[in-house]
Amino acid sequence: MATIREVRIDAAHGIVVQGWRSTEDGLFLRVRGQPEEVRLVCVCGRSHWIVREQFSLGSASLILICHACGTRGSFVMEGVTLPAP
């Protein structure tokens, strides 16, 4: 079984998210420049997040809140489009 690379939110500044998925094992991000998905881990050690995509003129962001401790984070998203109404 392959080892899952984990990235702590406090060490993830500047990453660009190209896709994401949430499972019972945590939040997995496809990050520009990384060959495989990474699991995002909070400073409290948990990997379960409340996730929201935010779209504005010409840009998209992934907004996160740790389900356990409330730590917040946000990342620029690349290659995503606004979902159809």
PDB file of N, CA and C in Angstrom:
ATOM      1  N   MET A   1       0.837  -1.192   0.000  1.00  0.00           N
ATOM      2  CA  MET A   1       0.000   0.000   0.000  1.00  0.00           C
ATOM      3  C   MET A   1       0.880   1.254   0.000  1.00  0.00           C
ATOM      4  N   ALA A   2       0.524   2.234  -0.794  1.00  0.00           N
ATOM      5  CA  ALA A   2       1.309   3.455  -0.926  1.00  0.00           C
ATOM      6  C   ALA A   2       1.173   4.322   0.327  1.00  0.00           C
ATOM      7  N   THR A   3       2.256   5.016   0.660  1.00  0.00           N
ATOM      8  CA  THR A   3       2.236   5.940   1.779  1.00  0.00           C
ATOM      9  C   THR A   3       1.584   7.239   1.333  1.00  0.00           C
ATOM     10  N   ILE A   4       0.694   7.743   2.164  1.00  0.00           N
ATOM     11  CA  ILE A   4       0.013   9.004   1.860  1.00  0.00           C
ATOM     12  C   ILE A   4       0.842  10.143   2.429  1.00  0.00           C
ATOM     13  N   ARG A   5       1.174  11.091   1.582  1.00  0.00           N
ATOM     14  CA  ARG A   5       1.924  12.260   2.044  1.00  0.00           C
ATOM     15  C   ARG A   5       0.966  13.211   2.745  1.00  0.00           C
ATOM     16  N   GLU A   6       1.340  13.640   3.946  1.00  0.00           N
ATOM     17  CA  GLU A   6       0.523  14.584   4.701  1.00  0.00           C
ATOM     18  C   GLU A   6       1.191  15.945   4.709  1.00  0.00           C
ATOM     19  N   VAL A   7       0.365  16.980   4.617  1.00  0.00           N
ATOM     20  CA  VAL A   7       0.851  18.356   4.676  1.00  0.00           C
ATOM     21  C   VAL A   7       0.066  19.074   5.766  1.00  0.00           C
ATOM     22  N   ARG A   8       0.788  19.676   6.707  1.00  0.00           N
ATOM     23  CA  ARG A   8       0.114  20.444   7.765  1.00  0.00           C
ATOM     24  C   ARG A   8      -0.322  21.793   7.214  1.00  0.00           C
ATOM     25  N   ILE A   9      -1.478  22.242   7.678  1.00  0.00           N
ATOM     26  CA  ILE A   9      -2.017  23.498   7.162  1.00  0.00           C
ATOM     27  C   ILE A   9      -1.075  24.671   7.430  1.00  0.00           C
ATOM     28  N   ASP A  10      -0.351  24.639   8.530  1.00  0.00           N
ATOM     29  CA  ASP A  10       0.554  25.746   8.839  1.00  0.00           C
ATOM     30  C   ASP A  10       1.827  25.729   7.987  1.00  0.00           C
ATOM     31  N   ALA A  11       2.032  24.654   7.206  1.00  0.00           N
ATOM     32  CA  ALA A  11       3.180  24.566   6.300  1.00  0.00           C
ATOM     33  C   ALA A  11       2.747  24.593   4.839  1.00  0.00           C
ATOM     34  N   ALA A  12       1.470  24.881   4.595  1.00  0.00           N
ATOM     35  CA  ALA A  12       0.918  24.775   3.247  1.00  0.00           C
ATOM     36  C   ALA A  12       0.680  26.124   2.574  1.00  0.00           C
ATOM     37  N   HIS A  13       1.254  27.177   3.087  1.00  0.00           N
ATOM     38  CA  HIS A  13       1.047  28.509   2.497  1.00  0.00           C
ATOM     39  C   HIS A  13       1.559  28.555   1.069  1.00  0.00           C
ATOM     40  N   GLY A  14       0.737  29.096   0.184  1.00  0.00           N
ATOM     41  CA  GLY A  14       1.145  29.281  -1.199  1.00  0.00           C
ATOM     42  C   GLY A  14       0.847  28.123  -2.126  1.00  0.00           C
ATOM     43  N   ILE A  15       0.309  27.019  -1.609  1.00  0.00           N
ATOM     44  CA  ILE A  15      -0.004  25.920  -2.526  1.00  0.00           C
ATOM     45  C   ILE A  15      -1.212  26.285  -3.378  1.00  0.00           C
ATOM     46  N   VAL A  16      -1.272  25.711  -4.567  1.00  0.00           N
ATOM     47  CA  VAL A  16      -2.384  25.934  -5.490  1.00  0.00           C
ATOM     48  C   VAL A  16      -3.104  24.601  -5.662  1.00  0.00           C
ATOM     49  N   VAL A  17      -4.389  24.598  -5.332  1.00  0.00           N
ATOM     50  CA  VAL A  17      -5.195  23.381  -5.368  1.00  0.00           C
ATOM     51  C   VAL A  17      -5.827  23.222  -6.747  1.00  0.00           C
ATOM     52  N   GLN A  18      -5.655  22.051  -7.334  1.00  0.00           N
ATOM     53  CA  GLN A  18      -6.237  21.754  -8.641  1.00  0.00           C
ATOM     54  C   GLN A  18      -7.449  20.838  -8.526  1.00  0.00           C
ATOM     55  N   GLY A  19      -7.692  20.307  -7.354  1.00  0.00           N
ATOM     56  CA  GLY A  19      -8.849  19.456  -7.103  1.00  0.00           C
ATOM     57  C   GLY A  19      -8.816  18.957  -5.679  1.00  0.00           C
ATOM     58  N   TRP A  20      -9.945  18.485  -5.187  1.00  0.00           N
ATOM     59  CA  TRP A  20      -9.992  17.980  -3.821  1.00  0.00           C
ATOM     60  C   TRP A  20     -11.080  16.936  -3.693  1.00  0.00           C
ATOM     61  N   ARG A  21     -10.954  16.116  -2.642  1.00  0.00           N
ATOM     62  CA  ARG A  21     -11.989  15.151  -2.301  1.00  0.00           C
ATOM     63  C   ARG A  21     -11.936  14.918  -0.801  1.00  0.00           C
ATOM     64  N   SER A  22     -13.103  14.682  -0.233  1.00  0.00           N
ATOM     65  CA  SER A  22     -13.210  14.432   1.191  1.00  0.00           C
ATOM     66  C   SER A  22     -13.710  13.014   1.403  1.00  0.00           C
ATOM     67  N   THR A  23     -13.018  12.258   2.258  1.00  0.00           N
ATOM     68  CA  THR A  23     -13.395  10.880   2.566  1.00  0.00           C
ATOM     69  C   THR A  23     -13.383  10.705   4.077  1.00  0.00           C
ATOM     70  N   GLU A  24     -13.740   9.520   4.523  1.00  0.00           N
ATOM     71  CA  GLU A  24     -13.685   9.252   5.963  1.00  0.00           C
ATOM     72  C   GLU A  24     -12.251   9.288   6.491  1.00  0.00           C
ATOM     73  N   ASP A  25     -11.266   9.204   5.601  1.00  0.00           N
ATOM     74  CA  ASP A  25      -9.856   9.269   5.989  1.00  0.00           C
ATOM     75  C   ASP A  25      -9.299  10.683   5.974  1.00  0.00           C
ATOM     76  N   GLY A  26     -10.100  11.667   5.582  1.00  0.00           N
ATOM     77  CA  GLY A  26      -9.650  13.050   5.611  1.00  0.00           C
ATOM     78  C   GLY A  26      -9.851  13.775   4.297  1.00  0.00           C
ATOM     79  N   LEU A  27      -9.259  14.971   4.216  1.00  0.00           N
ATOM     80  CA  LEU A  27      -9.355  15.826   3.036  1.00  0.00           C
ATOM     81  C   LEU A  27      -8.097  15.649   2.194  1.00  0.00           C
ATOM     82  N   PHE A  28      -8.290  15.273   0.933  1.00  0.00           N
ATOM     83  CA  PHE A  28      -7.183  15.041   0.011  1.00  0.00           C
ATOM     84  C   PHE A  28      -7.181  16.121  -1.056  1.00  0.00           C
ATOM     85  N   LEU A  29      -6.008  16.681  -1.316  1.00  0.00           N
ATOM     86  CA  LEU A  29      -5.849  17.765  -2.290  1.00  0.00           C
ATOM     87  C   LEU A  29      -4.948  17.321  -3.432  1.00  0.00           C
ATOM     88  N   ARG A  30      -5.336  17.721  -4.649  1.00  0.00           N
ATOM     89  CA  ARG A  30      -4.420  17.636  -5.789  1.00  0.00           C
ATOM     90  C   ARG A  30      -3.753  19.004  -5.868  1.00  0.00           C
ATOM     91  N   VAL A  31      -2.448  19.025  -5.700  1.00  0.00           N
ATOM     92  CA  VAL A  31      -1.701  20.272  -5.594  1.00  0.00           C
ATOM     93  C   VAL A  31      -0.792  20.425  -6.806  1.00  0.00           C
ATOM     94  N   ARG A  32      -0.770  21.616  -7.373  1.00  0.00           N
ATOM     95  CA  ARG A  32       0.117  21.886  -8.510  1.00  0.00           C
ATOM     96  C   ARG A  32       1.558  21.553  -8.119  1.00  0.00           C
ATOM     97  N   GLY A  33       2.229  20.787  -8.993  1.00  0.00           N
ATOM     98  CA  GLY A  33       3.616  20.427  -8.769  1.00  0.00           C
ATOM     99  C   GLY A  33       3.818  19.141  -7.985  1.00  0.00           C
ATOM    100  N   GLN A  34       2.737  18.515  -7.526  1.00  0.00           N
ATOM    101  CA  GLN A  34       2.847  17.261  -6.782  1.00  0.00           C
ATOM    102  C   GLN A  34       2.292  16.126  -7.629  1.00  0.00           C
ATOM    103  N   PRO A  35       3.006  15.022  -7.749  1.00  0.00           N
ATOM    104  CA  PRO A  35       2.538  13.927  -8.600  1.00  0.00           C
ATOM    105  C   PRO A  35       1.350  13.163  -8.017  1.00  0.00           C
ATOM    106  N   GLU A  36       1.180  13.204  -6.694  1.00  0.00           N
ATOM    107  CA  GLU A  36       0.091  12.476  -6.054  1.00  0.00           C
ATOM    108  C   GLU A  36      -0.655  13.383  -5.090  1.00  0.00           C
ATOM    109  N   GLU A  37      -1.865  12.961  -4.723  1.00  0.00           N
ATOM    110  CA  GLU A  37      -2.648  13.712  -3.754  1.00  0.00           C
ATOM    111  C   GLU A  37      -1.923  13.778  -2.414  1.00  0.00           C
ATOM    112  N   VAL A  38      -2.225  14.826  -1.654  1.00  0.00           N
ATOM    113  CA  VAL A  38      -1.730  14.955  -0.289  1.00  0.00           C
ATOM    114  C   VAL A  38      -2.925  15.079   0.648  1.00  0.00           C
ATOM    115  N   ARG A  39      -2.758  14.601   1.882  1.00  0.00           N
ATOM    116  CA  ARG A  39      -3.810  14.749   2.889  1.00  0.00           C
ATOM    117  C   ARG A  39      -3.479  15.967   3.734  1.00  0.00           C
ATOM    118  N   LEU A  40      -4.448  16.869   3.875  1.00  0.00           N
ATOM    119  CA  LEU A  40      -4.242  18.084   4.654  1.00  0.00           C
ATOM    120  C   LEU A  40      -4.537  17.796   6.120  1.00  0.00           C
ATOM    121  N   VAL A  41      -3.580  18.124   6.992  1.00  0.00           N
ATOM    122  CA  VAL A  41      -3.692  17.867   8.422  1.00  0.00           C
ATOM    123  C   VAL A  41      -3.671  19.199   9.158  1.00  0.00           C
ATOM    124  N   CYS A  42      -4.533  19.318  10.153  1.00  0.00           N
ATOM    125  CA  CYS A  42      -4.621  20.544  10.954  1.00  0.00           C
ATOM    126  C   CYS A  42      -3.501  20.579  11.991  1.00  0.00           C
ATOM    127  N   VAL A  43      -3.312  21.740  12.622  1.00  0.00           N
ATOM    128  CA  VAL A  43      -2.336  21.872  13.702  1.00  0.00           C
ATOM    129  C   VAL A  43      -2.728  21.015  14.904  1.00  0.00           C
ATOM    130  N   CYS A  44      -4.011  20.668  15.030  1.00  0.00           N
ATOM    131  CA  CYS A  44      -4.469  19.819  16.138  1.00  0.00           C
ATOM    132  C   CYS A  44      -4.279  18.333  15.834  1.00  0.00           C
ATOM    133  N   GLY A  45      -3.813  18.010  14.612  1.00  0.00           N
ATOM    134  CA  GLY A  45      -3.551  16.626  14.240  1.00  0.00           C
ATOM    135  C   GLY A  45      -4.687  15.926  13.511  1.00  0.00           C
ATOM    136  N   ARG A  46      -5.825  16.577  13.409  1.00  0.00           N
ATOM    137  CA  ARG A  46      -6.972  15.975  12.733  1.00  0.00           C
ATOM    138  C   ARG A  46      -6.937  16.317  11.243  1.00  0.00           C
ATOM    139  N   SER A  47      -7.736  15.587  10.465  1.00  0.00           N
ATOM    140  CA  SER A  47      -7.767  15.801   9.014  1.00  0.00           C
ATOM    141  C   SER A  47      -9.193  15.863   8.484  1.00  0.00           C
ATOM    142  N   HIS A  48     -10.104  16.377   9.313  1.00  0.00           N
ATOM    143  CA  HIS A  48     -11.503  16.495   8.898  1.00  0.00           C
ATOM    144  C   HIS A  48     -11.880  17.974   8.866  1.00  0.00           C
ATOM    145  N   TRP A  49     -12.344  18.413   7.709  1.00  0.00           N
ATOM    146  CA  TRP A  49     -12.536  19.833   7.439  1.00  0.00           C
ATOM    147  C   TRP A  49     -13.947  20.123   6.944  1.00  0.00           C
ATOM    148  N   ILE A  50     -14.430  21.298   7.272  1.00  0.00           N
ATOM    149  CA  ILE A  50     -15.628  21.855   6.633  1.00  0.00           C
ATOM    150  C   ILE A  50     -15.091  22.609   5.431  1.00  0.00           C
ATOM    151  N   VAL A  51     -15.581  22.262   4.242  1.00  0.00           N
ATOM    152  CA  VAL A  51     -14.997  22.771   2.997  1.00  0.00           C
ATOM    153  C   VAL A  51     -16.031  23.577   2.219  1.00  0.00           C
ATOM    154  N   ARG A  52     -15.578  24.705   1.678  1.00  0.00           N
ATOM    155  CA  ARG A  52     -16.435  25.528   0.830  1.00  0.00           C
ATOM    156  C   ARG A  52     -15.600  26.066  -0.325  1.00  0.00           C
ATOM    157  N   GLU A  53     -16.149  25.999  -1.517  1.00  0.00           N
ATOM    158  CA  GLU A  53     -15.510  26.633  -2.669  1.00  0.00           C
ATOM    159  C   GLU A  53     -16.119  28.018  -2.830  1.00  0.00           C
ATOM    160  N   GLN A  54     -15.271  28.999  -3.057  1.00  0.00           N
ATOM    161  CA  GLN A  54     -15.738  30.374  -3.229  1.00  0.00           C
ATOM    162  C   GLN A  54     -15.275  30.870  -4.583  1.00  0.00           C
ATOM    163  N   PHE A  55     -16.224  31.341  -5.379  1.00  0.00           N
ATOM    164  CA  PHE A  55     -15.923  31.843  -6.718  1.00  0.00           C
ATOM    165  C   PHE A  55     -16.169  33.342  -6.763  1.00  0.00           C
ATOM    166  N   SER A  56     -15.223  34.072  -7.344  1.00  0.00           N
ATOM    167  CA  SER A  56     -15.392  35.497  -7.598  1.00  0.00           C
ATOM    168  C   SER A  56     -14.880  35.764  -9.000  1.00  0.00           C
ATOM    169  N   LEU A  57     -14.968  36.975  -9.452  1.00  0.00           N
ATOM    170  CA  LEU A  57     -14.567  37.306 -10.812  1.00  0.00           C
ATOM    171  C   LEU A  57     -13.143  36.859 -11.100  1.00  0.00           C
ATOM    172  N   GLY A  58     -13.022  35.852 -11.950  1.00  0.00           N
ATOM    173  CA  GLY A  58     -11.721  35.410 -12.406  1.00  0.00           C
ATOM    174  C   GLY A  58     -10.913  34.551 -11.449  1.00  0.00           C
ATOM    175  N   SER A  59     -11.464  34.199 -10.285  1.00  0.00           N
ATOM    176  CA  SER A  59     -10.684  33.375  -9.366  1.00  0.00           C
ATOM    177  C   SER A  59     -11.594  32.463  -8.542  1.00  0.00           C
ATOM    178  N   ALA A  60     -10.987  31.436  -7.987  1.00  0.00           N
ATOM    179  CA  ALA A  60     -11.704  30.512  -7.111  1.00  0.00           C
ATOM    180  C   ALA A  60     -10.810  30.195  -5.920  1.00  0.00           C
ATOM    181  N   SER A  61     -11.430  30.010  -4.767  1.00  0.00           N
ATOM    182  CA  SER A  61     -10.691  29.681  -3.551  1.00  0.00           C
ATOM    183  C   SER A  61     -11.348  28.498  -2.864  1.00  0.00           C
ATOM    184  N   LEU A  62     -10.527  27.753  -2.134  1.00  0.00           N
ATOM    185  CA  LEU A  62     -11.004  26.673  -1.293  1.00  0.00           C
ATOM    186  C   LEU A  62     -10.879  27.175   0.144  1.00  0.00           C
ATOM    187  N   ILE A  63     -12.020  27.288   0.836  1.00  0.00           N
ATOM    188  CA  ILE A  63     -12.062  27.813   2.197  1.00  0.00           C
ATOM    189  C   ILE A  63     -12.274  26.635   3.145  1.00  0.00           C
ATOM    190  N   LEU A  64     -11.456  26.540   4.194  1.00  0.00           N
ATOM    191  CA  LEU A  64     -11.478  25.386   5.091  1.00  0.00           C
ATOM    192  C   LEU A  64     -11.606  25.818   6.550  1.00  0.00           C
ATOM    193  N   ILE A  65     -12.337  25.012   7.325  1.00  0.00           N
ATOM    194  CA  ILE A  65     -12.401  25.161   8.773  1.00  0.00           C
ATOM    195  C   ILE A  65     -12.246  23.769   9.373  1.00  0.00           C
ATOM    196  N   CYS A  66     -11.310  23.611  10.302  1.00  0.00           N
ATOM    197  CA  CYS A  66     -11.112  22.319  10.948  1.00  0.00           C
ATOM    198  C   CYS A  66     -12.357  21.967  11.751  1.00  0.00           C
ATOM    199  N   HIS A  67     -12.856  20.771  11.554  1.00  0.00           N
ATOM    200  CA  HIS A  67     -14.055  20.311  12.235  1.00  0.00           C
ATOM    201  C   HIS A  67     -13.805  20.141  13.729  1.00  0.00           C
ATOM    202  N   ALA A  68     -12.561  19.918  14.130  1.00  0.00           N
ATOM    203  CA  ALA A  68     -12.242  19.660  15.538  1.00  0.00           C
ATOM    204  C   ALA A  68     -11.945  20.931  16.332  1.00  0.00           C
ATOM    205  N   CYS A  69     -11.063  21.797  15.803  1.00  0.00           N
ATOM    206  CA  CYS A  69     -10.602  22.937  16.612  1.00  0.00           C
ATOM    207  C   CYS A  69     -10.960  24.311  16.037  1.00  0.00           C
ATOM    208  N   GLY A  70     -11.467  24.356  14.790  1.00  0.00           N
ATOM    209  CA  GLY A  70     -11.864  25.638  14.212  1.00  0.00           C
ATOM    210  C   GLY A  70     -10.774  26.385  13.462  1.00  0.00           C
ATOM    211  N   THR A  71      -9.587  25.807  13.351  1.00  0.00           N
ATOM    212  CA  THR A  71      -8.520  26.447  12.574  1.00  0.00           C
ATOM    213  C   THR A  71      -9.023  26.685  11.152  1.00  0.00           C
ATOM    214  N   ARG A  72      -8.695  27.849  10.617  1.00  0.00           N
ATOM    215  CA  ARG A  72      -9.155  28.223   9.271  1.00  0.00           C
ATOM    216  C   ARG A  72      -8.001  28.294   8.297  1.00  0.00           C
ATOM    217  N   GLY A  73      -8.327  28.076   7.026  1.00  0.00           N
ATOM    218  CA  GLY A  73      -7.336  28.200   5.978  1.00  0.00           C
ATOM    219  C   GLY A  73      -8.016  28.447   4.646  1.00  0.00           C
ATOM    220  N   SER A  74      -7.258  28.913   3.693  1.00  0.00           N
ATOM    221  CA  SER A  74      -7.793  29.099   2.343  1.00  0.00           C
ATOM    222  C   SER A  74      -6.657  28.928   1.346  1.00  0.00           C
ATOM    223  N   PHE A  75      -7.030  28.423   0.173  1.00  0.00           N
ATOM    224  CA  PHE A  75      -6.067  28.181  -0.896  1.00  0.00           C
ATOM    225  C   PHE A  75      -6.652  28.648  -2.215  1.00  0.00           C
ATOM    226  N   VAL A  76      -5.785  29.140  -3.087  1.00  0.00           N
ATOM    227  CA  VAL A  76      -6.185  29.476  -4.445  1.00  0.00           C
ATOM    228  C   VAL A  76      -6.431  28.168  -5.188  1.00  0.00           C
ATOM    229  N   MET A  77      -7.493  28.147  -5.999  1.00  0.00           N
ATOM    230  CA  MET A  77      -7.783  26.968  -6.827  1.00  0.00           C
ATOM    231  C   MET A  77      -7.493  27.317  -8.277  1.00  0.00           C
ATOM    232  N   GLU A  78      -6.999  26.329  -9.011  1.00  0.00           N
ATOM    233  CA  GLU A  78      -6.623  26.518 -10.408  1.00  0.00           C
ATOM    234  C   GLU A  78      -7.321  25.449 -11.244  1.00  0.00           C
ATOM    235  N   GLY A  79      -7.835  25.841 -12.397  1.00  0.00           N
ATOM    236  CA  GLY A  79      -8.426  24.887 -13.318  1.00  0.00           C
ATOM    237  C   GLY A  79      -9.819  24.425 -12.922  1.00  0.00           C
ATOM    238  N   VAL A  80     -10.505  25.181 -12.088  1.00  0.00           N
ATOM    239  CA  VAL A  80     -11.875  24.832 -11.734  1.00  0.00           C
ATOM    240  C   VAL A  80     -12.825  25.865 -12.337  1.00  0.00           C
ATOM    241  N   THR A  81     -14.052  25.446 -12.552  1.00  0.00           N
ATOM    242  CA  THR A  81     -15.048  26.358 -13.104  1.00  0.00           C
ATOM    243  C   THR A  81     -16.245  26.406 -12.168  1.00  0.00           C
ATOM    244  N   LEU A  82     -16.997  27.460 -12.290  1.00  0.00           N
ATOM    245  CA  LEU A  82     -18.209  27.640 -11.509  1.00  0.00           C
ATOM    246  C   LEU A  82     -19.210  26.573 -11.876  1.00  0.00           C
ATOM    247  N   PRO A  83     -19.751  25.861 -10.885  1.00  0.00           N
ATOM    248  CA  PRO A  83     -20.740  24.822 -11.194  1.00  0.00           C
ATOM    249  C   PRO A  83     -21.985  25.417 -11.859  1.00  0.00           C
ATOM    250  N   ALA A  84     -22.616  24.628 -12.701  1.00  0.00           N
ATOM    251  CA  ALA A  84     -23.847  25.080 -13.364  1.00  0.00           C
ATOM    252  C   ALA A  84     -24.964  25.237 -12.329  1.00  0.00           C
ATOM    253  N   PRO A  85     -25.834  26.222 -12.526  1.00  0.00           N
ATOM    254  CA  PRO A  85     -26.938  26.434 -11.570  1.00  0.00           C
ATOM    255  C   PRO A  85     -27.938  25.300 -11.595  1.00  0.00           C
TER     256      PRO A  85
END
